[in-house]
Amino acid sequence: MRVDLFDFELDKDLIAKEPARPRDHSRLLDLSDGQHIVDRHFYDLPDVLQKGDVLVFNDTKVIPARLYGAKGDALVEVTLYHPEDGLS
């Protein structure tokens, strides 16, 4: 997989600092028809889902553990998803 395809610039002001209130007012990007992009809210989800759809829940959390490294011209940034012994 070419992970460089996931690289993009994102204005820091567009990154949520805290959850939406109320929570069901969080934004939802709907690409379900394959031709149009529709801005929705999480409370619209029941209208978007169809019989046979599958929901996958991701309950991971980001911890403040980031490692930076370099070797020659190559730069590396690693975000850890769980604490390792001696790192916290």
PDB file of N, CA and C in Angstrom:
ATOM      1  N   MET A   1       0.851  -1.173   0.000  1.00  0.00           N
ATOM      2  CA  MET A   1       0.000   0.000   0.000  1.00  0.00           C
ATOM      3  C   MET A   1       0.896   1.235   0.000  1.00  0.00           C
ATOM      4  N   ARG A   2       0.547   2.199  -0.801  1.00  0.00           N
ATOM      5  CA  ARG A   2       1.287   3.464  -0.841  1.00  0.00           C
ATOM      6  C   ARG A   2       0.674   4.427   0.153  1.00  0.00           C
ATOM      7  N   VAL A   3       1.290   4.535   1.335  1.00  0.00           N
ATOM      8  CA  VAL A   3       0.742   5.402   2.373  1.00  0.00           C
ATOM      9  C   VAL A   3       0.863   6.878   2.014  1.00  0.00           C
ATOM     10  N   ASP A   4       1.721   7.227   1.070  1.00  0.00           N
ATOM     11  CA  ASP A   4       1.840   8.619   0.657  1.00  0.00           C
ATOM     12  C   ASP A   4       0.552   9.131   0.007  1.00  0.00           C
ATOM     13  N   LEU A   5      -0.303   8.218  -0.449  1.00  0.00           N
ATOM     14  CA  LEU A   5      -1.584   8.636  -1.025  1.00  0.00           C
ATOM     15  C   LEU A   5      -2.512   9.236   0.026  1.00  0.00           C
ATOM     16  N   PHE A   6      -2.199   8.996   1.309  1.00  0.00           N
ATOM     17  CA  PHE A   6      -3.016   9.534   2.395  1.00  0.00           C
ATOM     18  C   PHE A   6      -2.500  10.878   2.896  1.00  0.00           C
ATOM     19  N   ASP A   7      -1.396  11.367   2.363  1.00  0.00           N
ATOM     20  CA  ASP A   7      -0.823  12.643   2.791  1.00  0.00           C
ATOM     21  C   ASP A   7      -1.620  13.803   2.203  1.00  0.00           C
ATOM     22  N   PHE A   8      -1.946  14.770   3.049  1.00  0.00           N
ATOM     23  CA  PHE A   8      -2.611  15.981   2.588  1.00  0.00           C
ATOM     24  C   PHE A   8      -2.434  17.076   3.634  1.00  0.00           C
ATOM     25  N   GLU A   9      -2.581  18.307   3.205  1.00  0.00           N
ATOM     26  CA  GLU A   9      -2.492  19.446   4.113  1.00  0.00           C
ATOM     27  C   GLU A   9      -3.873  19.713   4.694  1.00  0.00           C
ATOM     28  N   LEU A  10      -3.953  19.910   5.991  1.00  0.00           N
ATOM     29  CA  LEU A  10      -5.215  20.200   6.651  1.00  0.00           C
ATOM     30  C   LEU A  10      -5.013  21.383   7.578  1.00  0.00           C
ATOM     31  N   ASP A  11      -5.804  22.419   7.367  1.00  0.00           N
ATOM     32  CA  ASP A  11      -5.738  23.597   8.210  1.00  0.00           C
ATOM     33  C   ASP A  11      -6.028  23.199   9.654  1.00  0.00           C
ATOM     34  N   LYS A  12      -5.167  23.590  10.583  1.00  0.00           N
ATOM     35  CA  LYS A  12      -5.316  23.229  12.002  1.00  0.00           C
ATOM     36  C   LYS A  12      -6.665  23.675  12.573  1.00  0.00           C
ATOM     37  N   ASP A  13      -7.255  24.731  12.015  1.00  0.00           N
ATOM     38  CA  ASP A  13      -8.557  25.210  12.495  1.00  0.00           C
ATOM     39  C   ASP A  13      -9.694  24.254  12.149  1.00  0.00           C
ATOM     40  N   LEU A  14      -9.455  23.312  11.230  1.00  0.00           N
ATOM     41  CA  LEU A  14     -10.481  22.355  10.831  1.00  0.00           C
ATOM     42  C   LEU A  14     -10.466  21.076  11.678  1.00  0.00           C
ATOM     43  N   ILE A  15      -9.503  20.972  12.589  1.00  0.00           N
ATOM     44  CA  ILE A  15      -9.383  19.786  13.430  1.00  0.00           C
ATOM     45  C   ILE A  15     -10.141  20.023  14.733  1.00  0.00           C
ATOM     46  N   ALA A  16     -11.069  19.125  15.047  1.00  0.00           N
ATOM     47  CA  ALA A  16     -11.876  19.271  16.270  1.00  0.00           C
ATOM     48  C   ALA A  16     -10.986  19.170  17.498  1.00  0.00           C
ATOM     49  N   LYS A  17     -11.203  20.064  18.432  1.00  0.00           N
ATOM     50  CA  LYS A  17     -10.459  20.051  19.688  1.00  0.00           C
ATOM     51  C   LYS A  17     -11.262  19.369  20.794  1.00  0.00           C
ATOM     52  N   GLU A  18     -12.559  19.277  20.602  1.00  0.00           N
ATOM     53  CA  GLU A  18     -13.451  18.643  21.579  1.00  0.00           C
ATOM     54  C   GLU A  18     -14.668  18.114  20.832  1.00  0.00           C
ATOM     55  N   PRO A  19     -15.390  17.164  21.420  1.00  0.00           N
ATOM     56  CA  PRO A  19     -16.561  16.588  20.740  1.00  0.00           C
ATOM     57  C   PRO A  19     -17.669  17.618  20.519  1.00  0.00           C
ATOM     58  N   ALA A  20     -18.474  17.384  19.488  1.00  0.00           N
ATOM     59  CA  ALA A  20     -19.631  18.244  19.221  1.00  0.00           C
ATOM     60  C   ALA A  20     -20.632  18.110  20.365  1.00  0.00           C
ATOM     61  N   ARG A  21     -21.341  19.164  20.644  1.00  0.00           N
ATOM     62  CA  ARG A  21     -22.388  19.144  21.675  1.00  0.00           C
ATOM     63  C   ARG A  21     -23.662  19.665  21.053  1.00  0.00           C
ATOM     64  N   PRO A  22     -24.752  18.941  21.102  1.00  0.00           N
ATOM     65  CA  PRO A  22     -24.827  17.554  21.552  1.00  0.00           C
ATOM     66  C   PRO A  22     -24.064  16.640  20.600  1.00  0.00           C
ATOM     67  N   ARG A  23     -23.659  15.463  21.087  1.00  0.00           N
ATOM     68  CA  ARG A  23     -22.780  14.563  20.343  1.00  0.00           C
ATOM     69  C   ARG A  23     -23.356  14.172  18.984  1.00  0.00           C
ATOM     70  N   ASP A  24     -24.674  14.021  18.875  1.00  0.00           N
ATOM     71  CA  ASP A  24     -25.245  13.593  17.594  1.00  0.00           C
ATOM     72  C   ASP A  24     -25.213  14.698  16.537  1.00  0.00           C
ATOM     73  N   HIS A  25     -24.712  15.879  16.895  1.00  0.00           N
ATOM     74  CA  HIS A  25     -24.561  16.961  15.926  1.00  0.00           C
ATOM     75  C   HIS A  25     -23.188  16.947  15.254  1.00  0.00           C
ATOM     76  N   SER A  26     -22.399  15.899  15.524  1.00  0.00           N
ATOM     77  CA  SER A  26     -21.115  15.782  14.838  1.00  0.00           C
ATOM     78  C   SER A  26     -21.381  15.580  13.343  1.00  0.00           C
ATOM     79  N   ARG A  27     -20.424  15.998  12.535  1.00  0.00           N
ATOM     80  CA  ARG A  27     -20.623  15.985  11.094  1.00  0.00           C
ATOM     81  C   ARG A  27     -20.409  14.593  10.512  1.00  0.00           C
ATOM     82  N   LEU A  28     -21.097  14.322   9.420  1.00  0.00           N
ATOM     83  CA  LEU A  28     -21.053  13.031   8.744  1.00  0.00           C
ATOM     84  C   LEU A  28     -20.979  13.294   7.245  1.00  0.00           C
ATOM     85  N   LEU A  29     -19.968  12.772   6.590  1.00  0.00           N
ATOM     86  CA  LEU A  29     -19.814  12.937   5.154  1.00  0.00           C
ATOM     87  C   LEU A  29     -20.420  11.721   4.472  1.00  0.00           C
ATOM     88  N   ASP A  30     -21.438  11.943   3.652  1.00  0.00           N
ATOM     89  CA  ASP A  30     -22.201  10.869   3.007  1.00  0.00           C
ATOM     90  C   ASP A  30     -21.757  10.716   1.560  1.00  0.00           C
ATOM     91  N   LEU A  31     -21.166   9.568   1.246  1.00  0.00           N
ATOM     92  CA  LEU A  31     -20.752   9.244  -0.118  1.00  0.00           C
ATOM     93  C   LEU A  31     -21.514   8.030  -0.622  1.00  0.00           C
ATOM     94  N   SER A  32     -22.674   7.775  -0.045  1.00  0.00           N
ATOM     95  CA  SER A  32     -23.378   6.513  -0.268  1.00  0.00           C
ATOM     96  C   SER A  32     -23.858   6.293  -1.697  1.00  0.00           C
ATOM     97  N   ASP A  33     -24.138   7.338  -2.451  1.00  0.00           N
ATOM     98  CA  ASP A  33     -24.623   7.082  -3.811  1.00  0.00           C
ATOM     99  C   ASP A  33     -23.482   6.972  -4.821  1.00  0.00           C
ATOM    100  N   GLY A  34     -22.251   7.197  -4.386  1.00  0.00           N
ATOM    101  CA  GLY A  34     -21.089   7.030  -5.254  1.00  0.00           C
ATOM    102  C   GLY A  34     -20.860   8.154  -6.235  1.00  0.00           C
ATOM    103  N   GLN A  35     -21.776   9.132  -6.313  1.00  0.00           N
ATOM    104  CA  GLN A  35     -21.616  10.223  -7.273  1.00  0.00           C
ATOM    105  C   GLN A  35     -21.633  11.599  -6.623  1.00  0.00           C
ATOM    106  N   HIS A  36     -22.259  11.711  -5.468  1.00  0.00           N
ATOM    107  CA  HIS A  36     -22.395  13.009  -4.811  1.00  0.00           C
ATOM    108  C   HIS A  36     -21.839  12.951  -3.396  1.00  0.00           C
ATOM    109  N   ILE A  37     -21.306  14.071  -2.962  1.00  0.00           N
ATOM    110  CA  ILE A  37     -20.860  14.219  -1.577  1.00  0.00           C
ATOM    111  C   ILE A  37     -21.907  15.056  -0.867  1.00  0.00           C
ATOM    112  N   VAL A  38     -22.446  14.526   0.226  1.00  0.00           N
ATOM    113  CA  VAL A  38     -23.499  15.227   0.960  1.00  0.00           C
ATOM    114  C   VAL A  38     -23.039  15.431   2.399  1.00  0.00           C
ATOM    115  N   ASP A  39     -23.061  16.683   2.870  1.00  0.00           N
ATOM    116  CA  ASP A  39     -22.770  16.977   4.268  1.00  0.00           C
ATOM    117  C   ASP A  39     -23.998  16.658   5.103  1.00  0.00           C
ATOM    118  N   ARG A  40     -23.818  15.832   6.107  1.00  0.00           N
ATOM    119  CA  ARG A  40     -24.902  15.461   7.007  1.00  0.00           C
ATOM    120  C   ARG A  40     -24.421  15.566   8.441  1.00  0.00           C
ATOM    121  N   HIS A  41     -25.284  15.166   9.354  1.00  0.00           N
ATOM    122  CA  HIS A  41     -24.945  15.076  10.773  1.00  0.00           C
ATOM    123  C   HIS A  41     -25.160  13.635  11.219  1.00  0.00           C
ATOM    124  N   PHE A  42     -24.532  13.279  12.343  1.00  0.00           N
ATOM    125  CA  PHE A  42     -24.632  11.910  12.832  1.00  0.00           C
ATOM    126  C   PHE A  42     -26.085  11.492  13.069  1.00  0.00           C
ATOM    127  N   TYR A  43     -26.951  12.446  13.460  1.00  0.00           N
ATOM    128  CA  TYR A  43     -28.351  12.091  13.683  1.00  0.00           C
ATOM    129  C   TYR A  43     -29.064  11.684  12.382  1.00  0.00           C
ATOM    130  N   ASP A  44     -28.433  11.936  11.215  1.00  0.00           N
ATOM    131  CA  ASP A  44     -28.991  11.504   9.924  1.00  0.00           C
ATOM    132  C   ASP A  44     -28.654  10.055   9.596  1.00  0.00           C
ATOM    133  N   LEU A  45     -27.799   9.417  10.396  1.00  0.00           N
ATOM    134  CA  LEU A  45     -27.338   8.073  10.067  1.00  0.00           C
ATOM    135  C   LEU A  45     -28.464   7.069   9.816  1.00  0.00           C
ATOM    136  N   PRO A  46     -29.526   7.040  10.620  1.00  0.00           N
ATOM    137  CA  PRO A  46     -30.600   6.077  10.325  1.00  0.00           C
ATOM    138  C   PRO A  46     -31.221   6.265   8.936  1.00  0.00           C
ATOM    139  N   ASP A  47     -31.205   7.481   8.405  1.00  0.00           N
ATOM    140  CA  ASP A  47     -31.749   7.729   7.069  1.00  0.00           C
ATOM    141  C   ASP A  47     -30.804   7.260   5.967  1.00  0.00           C
ATOM    142  N   VAL A  48     -29.518   7.125   6.291  1.00  0.00           N
ATOM    143  CA  VAL A  48     -28.502   6.758   5.307  1.00  0.00           C
ATOM    144  C   VAL A  48     -28.322   5.241   5.234  1.00  0.00           C
ATOM    145  N   LEU A  49     -28.438   4.564   6.375  1.00  0.00           N
ATOM    146  CA  LEU A  49     -28.198   3.120   6.416  1.00  0.00           C
ATOM    147  C   LEU A  49     -29.275   2.348   5.663  1.00  0.00           C
ATOM    148  N   GLN A  50     -28.843   1.268   5.030  1.00  0.00           N
ATOM    149  CA  GLN A  50     -29.759   0.394   4.305  1.00  0.00           C
ATOM    150  C   GLN A  50     -29.640  -1.016   4.857  1.00  0.00           C
ATOM    151  N   LYS A  51     -30.643  -1.828   4.605  1.00  0.00           N
ATOM    152  CA  LYS A  51     -30.629  -3.209   5.055  1.00  0.00           C
ATOM    153  C   LYS A  51     -29.368  -3.896   4.518  1.00  0.00           C
ATOM    154  N   GLY A  52     -28.673  -4.599   5.417  1.00  0.00           N
ATOM    155  CA  GLY A  52     -27.448  -5.303   5.038  1.00  0.00           C
ATOM    156  C   GLY A  52     -26.180  -4.507   5.274  1.00  0.00           C
ATOM    157  N   ASP A  53     -26.296  -3.211   5.593  1.00  0.00           N
ATOM    158  CA  ASP A  53     -25.116  -2.412   5.902  1.00  0.00           C
ATOM    159  C   ASP A  53     -24.489  -2.909   7.199  1.00  0.00           C
ATOM    160  N   VAL A  54     -23.195  -2.701   7.337  1.00  0.00           N
ATOM    161  CA  VAL A  54     -22.459  -3.121   8.528  1.00  0.00           C
ATOM    162  C   VAL A  54     -21.828  -1.887   9.160  1.00  0.00           C
ATOM    163  N   LEU A  55     -21.973  -1.766  10.471  1.00  0.00           N
ATOM    164  CA  LEU A  55     -21.305  -0.697  11.211  1.00  0.00           C
ATOM    165  C   LEU A  55     -20.098  -1.290  11.915  1.00  0.00           C
ATOM    166  N   VAL A  56     -18.947  -0.632  11.794  1.00  0.00           N
ATOM    167  CA  VAL A  56     -17.729  -1.050  12.475  1.00  0.00           C
ATOM    168  C   VAL A  56     -17.369   0.058  13.450  1.00  0.00           C
ATOM    169  N   PHE A  57     -17.251  -0.286  14.716  1.00  0.00           N
ATOM    170  CA  PHE A  57     -16.961   0.711  15.751  1.00  0.00           C
ATOM    171  C   PHE A  57     -15.478   0.693  16.084  1.00  0.00           C
ATOM    172  N   ASN A  58     -14.892   1.857  16.107  1.00  0.00           N
ATOM    173  CA  ASN A  58     -13.484   2.027  16.450  1.00  0.00           C
ATOM    174  C   ASN A  58     -13.438   2.746  17.788  1.00  0.00           C
ATOM    175  N   ASP A  59     -13.003   2.051  18.825  1.00  0.00           N
ATOM    176  CA  ASP A  59     -12.973   2.679  20.150  1.00  0.00           C
ATOM    177  C   ASP A  59     -11.543   3.007  20.589  1.00  0.00           C
ATOM    178  N   THR A  60     -10.620   3.135  19.620  1.00  0.00           N
ATOM    179  CA  THR A  60      -9.260   3.507  19.978  1.00  0.00           C
ATOM    180  C   THR A  60      -9.202   4.981  20.344  1.00  0.00           C
ATOM    181  N   LYS A  61      -8.223   5.320  21.138  1.00  0.00           N
ATOM    182  CA  LYS A  61      -8.017   6.706  21.542  1.00  0.00           C
ATOM    183  C   LYS A  61      -6.559   7.066  21.254  1.00  0.00           C
ATOM    184  N   VAL A  62      -6.338   8.297  20.898  1.00  0.00           N
ATOM    185  CA  VAL A  62      -4.983   8.763  20.641  1.00  0.00           C
ATOM    186  C   VAL A  62      -4.360   9.165  21.970  1.00  0.00           C
ATOM    187  N   ILE A  63      -3.159   8.683  22.212  1.00  0.00           N
ATOM    188  CA  ILE A  63      -2.430   9.092  23.408  1.00  0.00           C
ATOM    189  C   ILE A  63      -1.343  10.067  22.968  1.00  0.00           C
ATOM    190  N   PRO A  64      -0.921  10.943  23.842  1.00  0.00           N
ATOM    191  CA  PRO A  64       0.089  11.937  23.449  1.00  0.00           C
ATOM    192  C   PRO A  64       1.495  11.332  23.419  1.00  0.00           C
ATOM    193  N   ALA A  65       1.722  10.401  22.523  1.00  0.00           N
ATOM    194  CA  ALA A  65       3.028   9.758  22.401  1.00  0.00           C
ATOM    195  C   ALA A  65       3.433   9.746  20.942  1.00  0.00           C
ATOM    196  N   ARG A  66       4.317  10.635  20.578  1.00  0.00           N
ATOM    197  CA  ARG A  66       4.748  10.765  19.193  1.00  0.00           C
ATOM    198  C   ARG A  66       6.274  10.718  19.150  1.00  0.00           C
ATOM    199  N   LEU A  67       6.800   9.951  18.242  1.00  0.00           N
ATOM    200  CA  LEU A  67       8.248   9.821  18.090  1.00  0.00           C
ATOM    201  C   LEU A  67       8.655  10.383  16.734  1.00  0.00           C
ATOM    202  N   TYR A  68       9.769  11.106  16.720  1.00  0.00           N
ATOM    203  CA  TYR A  68      10.291  11.671  15.480  1.00  0.00           C
ATOM    204  C   TYR A  68      11.683  11.106  15.252  1.00  0.00           C
ATOM    205  N   GLY A  69      12.015  10.823  14.020  1.00  0.00           N
ATOM    206  CA  GLY A  69      13.338  10.310  13.718  1.00  0.00           C
ATOM    207  C   GLY A  69      13.773  10.712  12.323  1.00  0.00           C
ATOM    208  N   ALA A  70      15.053  10.558  12.072  1.00  0.00           N
ATOM    209  CA  ALA A  70      15.603  10.881  10.759  1.00  0.00           C
ATOM    210  C   ALA A  70      16.815   9.992  10.503  1.00  0.00           C
ATOM    211  N   LYS A  71      16.957   9.609   9.252  1.00  0.00           N
ATOM    212  CA  LYS A  71      18.149   8.890   8.817  1.00  0.00           C
ATOM    213  C   LYS A  71      18.474   9.412   7.427  1.00  0.00           C
ATOM    214  N   GLY A  72      19.537  10.170   7.345  1.00  0.00           N
ATOM    215  CA  GLY A  72      19.856  10.834   6.083  1.00  0.00           C
ATOM    216  C   GLY A  72      18.765  11.855   5.770  1.00  0.00           C
ATOM    217  N   ASP A  73      18.191  11.779   4.560  1.00  0.00           N
ATOM    218  CA  ASP A  73      17.119  12.690   4.162  1.00  0.00           C
ATOM    219  C   ASP A  73      15.738  12.186   4.551  1.00  0.00           C
ATOM    220  N   ALA A  74      15.658  10.953   5.032  1.00  0.00           N
ATOM    221  CA  ALA A  74      14.356  10.364   5.373  1.00  0.00           C
ATOM    222  C   ALA A  74      13.912  10.822   6.760  1.00  0.00           C
ATOM    223  N   LEU A  75      12.704  11.369   6.841  1.00  0.00           N
ATOM    224  CA  LEU A  75      12.115  11.779   8.114  1.00  0.00           C
ATOM    225  C   LEU A  75      10.981  10.830   8.460  1.00  0.00           C
ATOM    226  N   VAL A  76      10.868  10.486   9.732  1.00  0.00           N
ATOM    227  CA  VAL A  76       9.849   9.547  10.181  1.00  0.00           C
ATOM    228  C   VAL A  76       9.119  10.136  11.371  1.00  0.00           C
ATOM    229  N   GLU A  77       7.797   9.986  11.403  1.00  0.00           N
ATOM    230  CA  GLU A  77       6.988  10.377  12.552  1.00  0.00           C
ATOM    231  C   GLU A  77       6.103   9.184  12.896  1.00  0.00           C
ATOM    232  N   VAL A  78       6.126   8.765  14.156  1.00  0.00           N
ATOM    233  CA  VAL A  78       5.363   7.607  14.608  1.00  0.00           C
ATOM    234  C   VAL A  78       4.458   8.026  15.743  1.00  0.00           C
ATOM    235  N   THR A  79       3.171   7.712  15.661  1.00  0.00           N
ATOM    236  CA  THR A  79       2.234   7.953  16.750  1.00  0.00           C
ATOM    237  C   THR A  79       1.916   6.607  17.387  1.00  0.00           C
ATOM    238  N   LEU A  80       2.215   6.476  18.680  1.00  0.00           N
ATOM    239  CA  LEU A  80       1.946   5.230  19.393  1.00  0.00           C
ATOM    240  C   LEU A  80       0.489   5.180  19.808  1.00  0.00           C
ATOM    241  N   TYR A  81      -0.114   4.011  19.765  1.00  0.00           N
ATOM    242  CA  TYR A  81      -1.518   3.910  20.135  1.00  0.00           C
ATOM    243  C   TYR A  81      -1.719   3.268  21.496  1.00  0.00           C
ATOM    244  N   HIS A  82      -0.672   2.780  22.123  1.00  0.00           N
ATOM    245  CA  HIS A  82      -0.778   2.343  23.513  1.00  0.00           C
ATOM    246  C   HIS A  82       0.594   2.526  24.171  1.00  0.00           C
ATOM    247  N   PRO A  83       0.613   2.807  25.472  1.00  0.00           N
ATOM    248  CA  PRO A  83       1.888   3.066  26.149  1.00  0.00           C
ATOM    249  C   PRO A  83       2.800   1.835  26.148  1.00  0.00           C
ATOM    250  N   GLU A  84       4.067   2.069  25.996  1.00  0.00           N
ATOM    251  CA  GLU A  84       5.079   1.027  26.121  1.00  0.00           C
ATOM    252  C   GLU A  84       5.798   1.245  27.454  1.00  0.00           C
ATOM    253  N   ASP A  85       6.390   0.218  28.006  1.00  0.00           N
ATOM    254  CA  ASP A  85       7.145   0.371  29.249  1.00  0.00           C
ATOM    255  C   ASP A  85       8.176   1.466  29.119  1.00  0.00           C
ATOM    256  N   GLY A  86       8.171   2.372  30.080  1.00  0.00           N
ATOM    257  CA  GLY A  86       9.139   3.464  30.078  1.00  0.00           C
ATOM    258  C   GLY A  86       8.717   4.675  29.273  1.00  0.00           C
ATOM    259  N   LEU A  87       7.617   4.598  28.552  1.00  0.00           N
ATOM    260  CA  LEU A  87       7.105   5.734  27.775  1.00  0.00           C
ATOM    261  C   LEU A  87       5.721   6.090  28.286  1.00  0.00           C
ATOM    262  N   SER A  88       5.537   7.297  28.705  1.00  0.00           N
ATOM    263  CA  SER A  88       4.183   7.723  29.093  1.00  0.00           C
ATOM    264  C   SER A  88       4.094   9.224  29.115  1.00  0.00           C
TER     265      SER A  88
END
